[in-house]
Amino acid sequence: MKTTITKTLSVLAFAAVLSSCSKKDKEVVPENPGNFVIAVTPVASTGVADYLVTSSSLDTGKVSILGNGTEQDGTYRYYVTSNNKFFSMLYGQGNPGAVTTYNIVGGKLNKVNDFVSATVQAFAPVNDDILMAKLPRTIAATGTTLGSWYIVNTNSAKQTSEGTFDAVQPTGNGEIAHFSWIKQVGNKVWAPFFGIKNNSFSTEYPDYAGIAVYSYPEMKYEKTIKDTRTSFIGRYFTDGLGVVENGDVYAFSSSVAVNSGTLTSTKPSAITRIKAGATEFDQSYFLNFEEASNGNVITNWLYIGGNKFIAHVEPKATRGAYKAGIRLAIVNVVDKTVTAVTGLPEVSTIVGLTTNNYTPKDGRYGYFGVNLLDGSTWVYKVDANNATATKGLEVKGGKITAIQHLQ
């Protein structure tokens, strides 16, 4: 089963380019039926919902949400593509949110059904399901501090089960284990986490990486895989784990733990490894990302196959707990090489790069949305073989928030 994850919580608009909606922006662009699905946030200042448009290619052509596309319900959306279905999930700010399921028929989105789900902070395909986790931010006054899990079956597109788990147990230090993401590894669920103090995203343990391991589908806690060579794995709402073809698991740390708003990690941004079948970090492997990239930290990545990732990077001097890098680099985790990508627009002209991106998993290509200060928005094709980016599909009417593909 081909499974891809994408998600978006960002609704930051092009406030600086509202005046750029010229006649050119309003040109009529016909529908572009195809199997690529692109989520686009319209140009507006507040309260706007994503539109989903299709395209036959990411390499050339145009698509527009002006007169086209399928409007989503609500302003905070995240997406999962699994079992050849596209799930559009509303982040309900603590309230339940509507979930709409689509497939592709004749190159166009076709709604399969709707259902309601809890607002969650981490989610991922596991087998033929989507597992979702809701994390607490306050330690219970009495009894166990509980998180909740929910399972949605991708065949029926309905929630089939739910339960709770002890949200403090994995850290072993009294802080809440707030999952940065979840991922299927073998027949288990791995949940890398960052510790948070009661009702705060601060931690007293910045130089500690932990992955909680659960059985599936029972979601019974089994152990925590620990390491003190890095800070926590991933970032808020960011998948910091990558499973390569031989089953080895790689993990990145941005080194952005905070206490009372101040960065407190003393360890470098780095990549570590857990070998296939193991449940301990491989102490013989360590990639100091800051050294390999000449002074950058890694903030996100896309696994493209062949032991290669396309990583978002940010200079160490300007890193932050929620700052997403707007530069790209090719990372070969086996060779321990980091190569800067050329061909993107100048950093000073970029509003942001999408972190919800597509790859055919061929070990070579990845596609990224590039949103520019002048109001234009493009898909760029990154070639890992020569570390170059090439301008492709133009998107009109808003900024790209996700790029995915259905069969």
Protein backbone atom coordinates (compact mmCIF):
# COMPACT_ATOMS: atom_id res chain seq x y z
CA MET A 1 0.00 0.00 0.00
CA LYS A 2 1.44 3.34 -0.99
CA THR A 3 1.07 5.78 1.86
CA THR A 4 2.01 9.43 2.07
CA ILE A 5 1.56 11.89 4.88
CA THR A 6 0.97 15.57 4.51
CA LYS A 7 -0.34 18.09 6.89
CA THR A 8 -0.91 21.81 7.20
CA LEU A 9 -1.76 24.06 10.08
CA SER A 10 -0.34 27.22 8.54
CA VAL A 11 -2.83 29.86 7.51
CA LEU A 12 -0.39 32.74 7.56
CA ALA A 13 -1.53 34.87 4.64
CA PHE A 14 0.39 36.99 2.19
CA ALA A 15 -0.34 40.14 4.21
CA ALA A 16 2.59 41.89 2.61
CA VAL A 17 1.34 41.20 -0.89
CA LEU A 18 -2.39 41.83 -0.66
CA SER A 19 -1.97 44.67 -3.11
CA SER A 20 -0.44 42.32 -5.67
CA CYS A 21 -3.80 40.90 -6.77
CA SER A 22 -3.60 42.52 -10.17
CA LYS A 23 -5.48 41.78 -13.36
CA LYS A 24 -2.82 39.21 -14.08
CA ASP A 25 -3.73 37.39 -10.84
CA LYS A 26 -7.36 37.30 -11.95
CA GLU A 27 -6.69 35.81 -15.35
CA VAL A 28 -8.93 32.91 -16.25
CA VAL A 29 -7.05 29.62 -15.88
CA PRO A 30 -8.99 26.52 -16.97
CA GLU A 31 -9.27 23.43 -14.82
CA ASN A 32 -6.29 21.12 -14.97
CA PRO A 33 -7.61 17.60 -14.32
CA GLY A 34 -5.01 15.18 -13.03
CA ASN A 35 -3.90 13.06 -10.12
CA PHE A 36 -1.86 15.64 -8.23
CA VAL A 37 -3.73 17.37 -5.41
CA ILE A 38 -2.59 20.81 -4.27
CA ALA A 39 -3.94 22.62 -1.23
CA VAL A 40 -3.93 26.40 -1.59
CA THR A 41 -4.73 29.11 0.96
CA PRO A 42 -6.31 32.14 -0.79
CA VAL A 43 -4.71 35.56 -0.56
CA ALA A 44 -6.55 37.17 2.39
CA SER A 45 -5.71 38.43 5.83
CA THR A 46 -7.95 36.35 8.10
CA GLY A 47 -10.51 33.59 8.20
CA VAL A 48 -9.82 31.93 4.87
CA ALA A 49 -10.27 28.27 4.00
CA ASP A 50 -8.03 26.20 1.77
CA TYR A 51 -9.02 25.22 -1.74
CA LEU A 52 -8.02 21.89 -3.27
CA VAL A 53 -7.11 21.87 -6.97
CA THR A 54 -5.87 19.11 -9.23
CA SER A 55 -3.12 19.11 -11.81
CA SER A 56 -1.89 16.73 -14.46
CA SER A 57 1.74 17.73 -13.86
CA LEU A 58 3.96 19.44 -11.31
CA ASP A 59 6.66 20.22 -13.85
CA THR A 60 4.81 22.64 -16.15
CA GLY A 61 1.58 24.58 -16.61
CA LYS A 62 -0.74 26.55 -14.34
CA VAL A 63 -3.55 25.93 -11.89
CA SER A 64 -5.76 28.48 -10.16
CA ILE A 65 -8.25 28.58 -7.33
CA LEU A 66 -9.97 31.54 -9.02
CA GLY A 67 -13.13 29.92 -10.33
CA ASN A 68 -11.71 26.46 -9.70
CA GLY A 69 -11.08 24.11 -6.85
CA THR A 70 -12.94 22.56 -3.95
CA GLU A 71 -13.32 24.84 -0.93
CA GLN A 72 -12.64 23.29 2.46
CA ASP A 73 -14.71 23.86 5.57
CA GLY A 74 -12.77 25.78 8.22
CA THR A 75 -9.51 27.70 8.29
CA TYR A 76 -7.09 25.20 9.86
CA ARG A 77 -6.65 22.05 7.79
CA TYR A 78 -4.23 19.17 7.73
CA TYR A 79 -4.07 16.33 5.26
CA VAL A 80 -3.29 12.63 5.09
CA THR A 81 -3.04 10.61 1.88
CA SER A 82 -3.41 6.90 2.56
CA ASN A 83 -4.81 3.85 0.77
CA ASN A 84 -5.25 6.03 -2.32
CA LYS A 85 -7.60 8.41 -0.51
CA PHE A 86 -7.07 12.03 0.45
CA PHE A 87 -8.27 12.93 3.96
CA SER A 88 -8.90 16.62 4.64
CA MET A 89 -9.07 17.10 8.41
CA LEU A 90 -10.19 20.22 10.27
CA TYR A 91 -8.13 21.35 13.23
CA GLY A 92 -10.94 22.39 15.54
CA GLN A 93 -8.93 24.42 18.09
CA GLY A 94 -9.79 21.85 20.75
CA ASN A 95 -13.26 21.08 19.38
CA PRO A 96 -14.18 18.13 17.12
CA GLY A 97 -13.56 18.82 13.45
CA ALA A 98 -15.07 17.66 10.18
CA VAL A 99 -13.09 15.22 8.04
CA THR A 100 -13.77 14.91 4.32
CA THR A 101 -12.47 11.98 2.29
CA TYR A 102 -11.72 12.22 -1.44
CA ASN A 103 -10.49 10.05 -4.26
CA ILE A 104 -9.73 10.95 -7.87
CA VAL A 105 -12.22 10.16 -10.64
CA GLY A 106 -11.45 11.32 -14.16
CA GLY A 107 -8.71 13.61 -12.92
CA LYS A 108 -11.00 15.44 -10.49
CA LEU A 109 -11.58 15.22 -6.75
CA ASN A 110 -14.54 13.07 -5.82
CA LYS A 111 -15.94 13.28 -2.29
CA VAL A 112 -16.30 9.83 -0.74
CA ASN A 113 -17.78 10.79 2.63
CA ASP A 114 -17.65 13.05 5.70
CA PHE A 115 -17.22 12.24 9.37
CA VAL A 116 -16.25 14.06 12.58
CA SER A 117 -12.98 13.53 14.43
CA ALA A 118 -11.36 14.92 17.55
CA THR A 119 -8.76 17.66 17.11
CA VAL A 120 -5.40 15.90 17.35
CA GLN A 121 -1.72 16.88 17.47
CA ALA A 122 -0.19 13.88 15.69
CA PHE A 123 -1.43 11.41 13.09
CA ALA A 124 -0.07 8.84 10.66
CA PRO A 125 -1.11 5.86 8.52
CA VAL A 126 -0.63 2.52 10.26
CA ASN A 127 -1.52 -0.55 8.19
CA ASP A 128 -4.91 0.29 6.60
CA ASP A 129 -5.74 2.82 9.31
CA ILE A 130 -4.99 6.38 10.28
CA LEU A 131 -3.88 6.58 13.89
CA MET A 132 -4.42 9.93 15.61
CA ALA A 133 -3.22 11.15 19.00
CA LYS A 134 -4.53 13.95 21.18
CA LEU A 135 -2.04 15.17 23.78
CA PRO A 136 -2.76 16.95 27.07
CA ARG A 137 -0.91 20.11 28.09
CA THR A 138 -1.85 20.09 31.77
CA ILE A 139 -0.92 17.50 34.37
CA ALA A 140 -4.00 16.07 36.05
CA ALA A 141 -4.63 17.30 39.61
CA THR A 142 -5.35 13.71 40.65
CA GLY A 143 -4.87 10.38 38.96
CA THR A 144 -3.22 9.69 35.62
CA THR A 145 -2.62 12.41 33.02
CA LEU A 146 -4.24 10.91 29.95
CA GLY A 147 -3.82 11.36 26.24
CA SER A 148 -6.28 9.92 23.73
CA TRP A 149 -5.88 7.89 20.57
CA TYR A 150 -8.31 7.28 17.71
CA ILE A 151 -8.22 4.86 14.78
CA VAL A 152 -9.88 5.63 11.43
CA ASN A 153 -10.08 2.80 8.91
CA THR A 154 -9.15 4.00 5.43
CA ASN A 155 -11.34 1.41 3.70
CA SER A 156 -14.55 2.49 5.42
CA ALA A 157 -13.32 6.06 6.10
CA LYS A 158 -14.85 5.83 9.55
CA GLN A 159 -13.51 5.88 13.08
CA THR A 160 -13.41 2.30 14.39
CA SER A 161 -11.87 2.53 17.86
CA GLU A 162 -10.41 4.84 20.49
CA GLY A 163 -8.67 4.72 23.85
CA THR A 164 -6.39 6.51 26.29
CA PHE A 165 -2.75 6.32 27.36
CA ASP A 166 -0.61 7.63 30.20
CA ALA A 167 0.93 10.81 28.76
CA VAL A 168 3.61 11.19 31.46
CA GLN A 169 4.90 7.62 31.58
CA PRO A 170 7.20 7.78 28.50
CA THR A 171 9.40 10.65 29.77
CA GLY A 172 10.26 9.05 33.10
CA ASN A 173 10.89 12.50 34.57
CA GLY A 174 7.42 13.82 35.44
CA GLU A 175 6.94 15.92 32.32
CA ILE A 176 4.26 15.27 29.70
CA ALA A 177 5.49 13.40 26.61
CA HIS A 178 4.10 15.59 23.85
CA PHE A 179 4.41 13.61 20.61
CA SER A 180 6.10 15.53 17.82
CA TRP A 181 4.71 12.90 15.46
CA ILE A 182 3.91 9.19 15.18
CA LYS A 183 5.16 6.59 12.71
CA GLN A 184 4.70 2.91 11.97
CA VAL A 185 7.95 0.98 12.37
CA GLY A 186 7.47 -2.70 11.66
CA ASN A 187 4.31 -3.72 13.51
CA LYS A 188 4.76 -1.09 16.23
CA VAL A 189 3.94 2.58 16.60
CA TRP A 190 6.85 4.87 17.47
CA ALA A 191 6.12 8.29 18.94
CA PRO A 192 9.08 10.68 19.32
CA PHE A 193 8.25 13.32 21.90
CA PHE A 194 9.39 16.48 23.64
CA GLY A 195 8.83 16.95 27.33
CA ILE A 196 6.60 19.80 28.47
CA LYS A 197 6.03 21.14 31.96
CA ASN A 198 2.55 21.63 33.34
CA ASN A 199 0.61 23.96 31.01
CA SER A 200 3.81 25.09 29.33
CA PHE A 201 5.90 24.11 26.32
CA SER A 202 9.03 24.53 28.44
CA THR A 203 11.17 21.62 29.57
CA GLU A 204 13.75 21.06 32.29
CA TYR A 205 15.36 18.34 30.15
CA PRO A 206 16.51 19.94 26.87
CA ASP A 207 19.30 17.46 26.06
CA TYR A 208 17.24 14.32 25.85
CA ALA A 209 15.70 12.43 22.92
CA GLY A 210 12.92 9.94 23.54
CA ILE A 211 10.72 7.70 21.39
CA ALA A 212 7.74 5.98 23.02
CA VAL A 213 7.01 2.53 21.57
CA TYR A 214 3.45 1.15 21.48
CA SER A 215 1.84 -2.07 20.32
CA TYR A 216 -0.77 -1.80 17.59
CA PRO A 217 -3.76 -1.70 17.51
CA GLU A 218 -3.96 -1.99 21.32
CA MET A 219 -1.72 1.07 21.82
CA LYS A 220 -0.11 -0.44 24.90
CA TYR A 221 3.06 1.32 26.02
CA GLU A 222 6.12 -0.94 25.78
CA LYS A 223 9.24 1.18 26.33
CA THR A 224 11.01 4.46 25.65
CA ILE A 225 14.04 4.50 23.37
CA LYS A 226 16.38 7.14 24.85
CA ASP A 227 19.46 9.09 23.84
CA THR A 228 21.31 12.03 25.40
CA ARG A 229 23.49 12.95 22.42
CA THR A 230 20.80 15.25 20.99
CA SER A 231 17.79 17.27 22.00
CA PHE A 232 14.30 15.97 21.19
CA ILE A 233 13.41 14.45 17.81
CA GLY A 234 11.36 16.36 15.26
CA ARG A 235 9.49 19.55 16.13
CA TYR A 236 5.94 20.49 17.04
CA PHE A 237 3.70 18.87 14.39
CA THR A 238 6.78 17.71 12.49
CA ASP A 239 7.86 14.16 11.65
CA GLY A 240 11.46 13.68 12.73
CA LEU A 241 11.72 9.98 11.83
CA GLY A 242 12.54 8.41 8.48
CA VAL A 243 12.51 4.68 7.69
CA VAL A 244 14.80 3.69 4.79
CA GLU A 245 14.60 0.65 2.57
CA ASN A 246 16.66 -1.69 4.75
CA GLY A 247 14.50 -0.91 7.79
CA ASP A 248 16.94 1.40 9.55
CA VAL A 249 15.29 4.38 11.23
CA TYR A 250 16.92 7.81 11.13
CA ALA A 251 15.96 10.66 13.46
CA PHE A 252 16.72 14.37 13.30
CA SER A 253 16.92 16.93 16.09
CA SER A 254 16.75 20.68 15.47
CA SER A 255 18.15 21.46 18.95
CA VAL A 256 15.32 23.86 19.78
CA ALA A 257 14.16 22.87 23.26
CA VAL A 258 13.12 25.90 25.32
CA ASN A 259 12.60 26.90 28.93
CA SER A 260 10.58 30.06 29.60
CA GLY A 261 10.99 31.11 25.98
CA THR A 262 14.77 30.71 25.88
CA LEU A 263 16.55 28.09 23.76
CA THR A 264 18.33 25.79 26.19
CA SER A 265 19.58 22.84 24.12
CA THR A 266 23.35 22.45 24.40
CA LYS A 267 23.57 19.60 21.90
CA PRO A 268 24.01 20.21 18.16
CA SER A 269 21.33 19.72 15.54
CA ALA A 270 22.07 16.17 14.46
CA ILE A 271 20.86 12.94 12.87
CA THR A 272 20.96 9.65 14.75
CA ARG A 273 20.04 6.07 13.83
CA ILE A 274 18.27 3.01 15.18
CA LYS A 275 19.18 -0.08 13.19
CA ALA A 276 16.50 -2.32 11.69
CA GLY A 277 14.92 -4.56 14.32
CA ALA A 278 16.58 -2.73 17.22
CA THR A 279 14.97 -0.63 19.93
CA GLU A 280 18.05 1.29 21.05
CA PHE A 281 19.96 4.10 19.38
CA ASP A 282 23.03 3.01 17.42
CA GLN A 283 25.85 4.62 19.38
CA SER A 284 28.26 4.09 16.48
CA TYR A 285 26.29 6.49 14.24
CA PHE A 286 26.11 10.25 14.66
CA LEU A 287 25.82 12.96 12.00
CA ASN A 288 26.51 16.41 13.40
CA PHE A 289 24.29 18.38 11.04
CA GLU A 290 25.69 21.74 12.03
CA GLU A 291 29.20 20.71 11.05
CA ALA A 292 28.17 18.86 7.87
CA SER A 293 26.06 21.80 6.64
CA ASN A 294 28.48 24.58 7.60
CA GLY A 295 26.45 26.07 10.41
CA ASN A 296 22.82 25.16 9.75
CA VAL A 297 20.16 23.23 11.65
CA ILE A 298 17.60 20.90 10.11
CA THR A 299 13.93 21.83 10.61
CA ASN A 300 12.10 19.27 8.45
CA TRP A 301 12.77 16.65 5.80
CA LEU A 302 11.24 14.60 2.99
CA TYR A 303 12.46 11.06 2.41
CA ILE A 304 12.83 10.49 -1.33
CA GLY A 305 14.33 6.98 -1.28
CA GLY A 306 17.84 5.59 -1.68
CA ASN A 307 18.95 6.80 1.79
CA LYS A 308 18.42 10.41 0.69
CA PHE A 309 16.35 13.17 2.27
CA ILE A 310 15.60 16.68 1.08
CA ALA A 311 15.92 18.77 4.23
CA HIS A 312 14.71 22.24 5.19
CA VAL A 313 17.59 24.08 6.84
CA GLU A 314 18.01 27.31 8.78
CA PRO A 315 21.21 29.04 9.95
CA LYS A 316 21.91 28.14 13.57
CA ALA A 317 22.06 31.80 14.51
CA THR A 318 18.41 32.36 13.51
CA ARG A 319 16.89 29.05 14.56
CA GLY A 320 13.74 28.98 16.66
CA ALA A 321 11.28 26.51 18.15
CA TYR A 322 8.74 27.16 15.38
CA LYS A 323 10.91 28.61 12.63
CA ALA A 324 10.82 26.55 9.43
CA GLY A 325 13.87 26.73 7.21
CA ILE A 326 13.50 28.33 3.77
CA ARG A 327 16.65 26.77 2.35
CA LEU A 328 16.96 23.17 1.13
CA ALA A 329 19.75 20.62 1.24
CA ILE A 330 20.26 17.03 0.08
CA VAL A 331 21.16 14.68 2.94
CA ASN A 332 22.59 11.22 2.32
CA VAL A 333 22.34 9.60 5.73
CA VAL A 334 24.60 6.66 4.84
CA ASP A 335 27.37 8.76 3.31
CA LYS A 336 26.81 11.47 5.98
CA THR A 337 26.83 14.24 3.38
CA VAL A 338 24.83 17.48 3.27
CA THR A 339 24.71 19.39 -0.03
CA ALA A 340 23.00 22.77 -0.42
CA VAL A 341 20.34 22.97 -3.15
CA THR A 342 20.84 25.67 -5.78
CA GLY A 343 18.27 27.15 -8.16
CA LEU A 344 15.69 28.38 -5.65
CA PRO A 345 14.80 32.08 -5.57
CA GLU A 346 16.85 34.36 -3.34
CA VAL A 347 16.06 33.80 0.34
CA SER A 348 15.09 37.48 0.72
CA THR A 349 12.25 36.98 -1.80
CA ILE A 350 10.72 33.86 -0.20
CA VAL A 351 7.74 33.99 2.17
CA GLY A 352 7.97 30.28 2.87
CA LEU A 353 8.44 26.76 1.55
CA THR A 354 5.81 24.10 2.02
CA THR A 355 6.64 21.38 4.50
CA ASN A 356 3.93 19.10 3.05
CA ASN A 357 5.48 17.84 -0.13
CA TYR A 358 5.51 15.08 -2.73
CA THR A 359 8.12 12.61 -3.93
CA PRO A 360 7.76 9.58 -6.20
CA LYS A 361 10.25 7.87 -3.85
CA ASP A 362 12.65 7.28 -6.74
CA GLY A 363 15.71 8.39 -4.82
CA ARG A 364 16.02 11.48 -6.97
CA TYR A 365 13.11 13.93 -7.08
CA GLY A 366 11.01 15.92 -4.63
CA TYR A 367 8.47 18.69 -5.26
CA PHE A 368 8.16 21.75 -3.00
CA GLY A 369 5.84 24.74 -2.96
CA VAL A 370 7.64 28.09 -3.00
CA ASN A 371 5.62 31.15 -1.96
CA LEU A 372 7.21 34.48 -2.88
CA LEU A 373 6.96 38.04 -1.59
CA ASP A 374 5.76 39.31 -4.97
CA GLY A 375 2.61 37.18 -4.57
CA SER A 376 3.59 34.49 -7.06
CA THR A 377 3.55 30.84 -6.07
CA TRP A 378 5.35 27.97 -7.76
CA VAL A 379 6.12 24.29 -7.45
CA TYR A 380 9.86 23.64 -7.67
CA LYS A 381 11.29 20.27 -8.68
CA VAL A 382 14.38 19.33 -6.68
CA ASP A 383 16.85 16.92 -8.26
CA ALA A 384 18.91 15.21 -5.56
CA ASN A 385 21.43 13.89 -8.07
CA ASN A 386 22.80 17.37 -8.73
CA ALA A 387 21.24 19.31 -5.81
CA THR A 388 19.34 21.72 -8.08
CA ALA A 389 15.82 23.12 -8.04
CA THR A 390 13.84 23.94 -11.19
CA LYS A 391 10.70 26.08 -11.44
CA GLY A 392 7.63 24.07 -12.48
CA LEU A 393 3.86 24.46 -12.04
CA GLU A 394 2.53 27.95 -11.32
CA VAL A 395 -0.30 28.26 -8.79
CA LYS A 396 -2.58 31.30 -8.98
CA GLY A 397 -4.71 32.89 -6.28
CA GLY A 398 -2.95 31.95 -3.06
CA LYS A 399 -0.10 30.13 -1.41
CA ILE A 400 0.55 26.40 -1.56
CA THR A 401 0.18 24.55 1.72
CA ALA A 402 0.37 20.92 0.53
CA ILE A 403 1.25 18.84 -2.54
CA GLN A 404 0.12 15.23 -2.87
CA HIS A 405 -0.70 12.54 -5.43
CA LEU A 406 -3.40 9.90 -5.84
CA GLN A 407 -3.49 7.05 -8.31
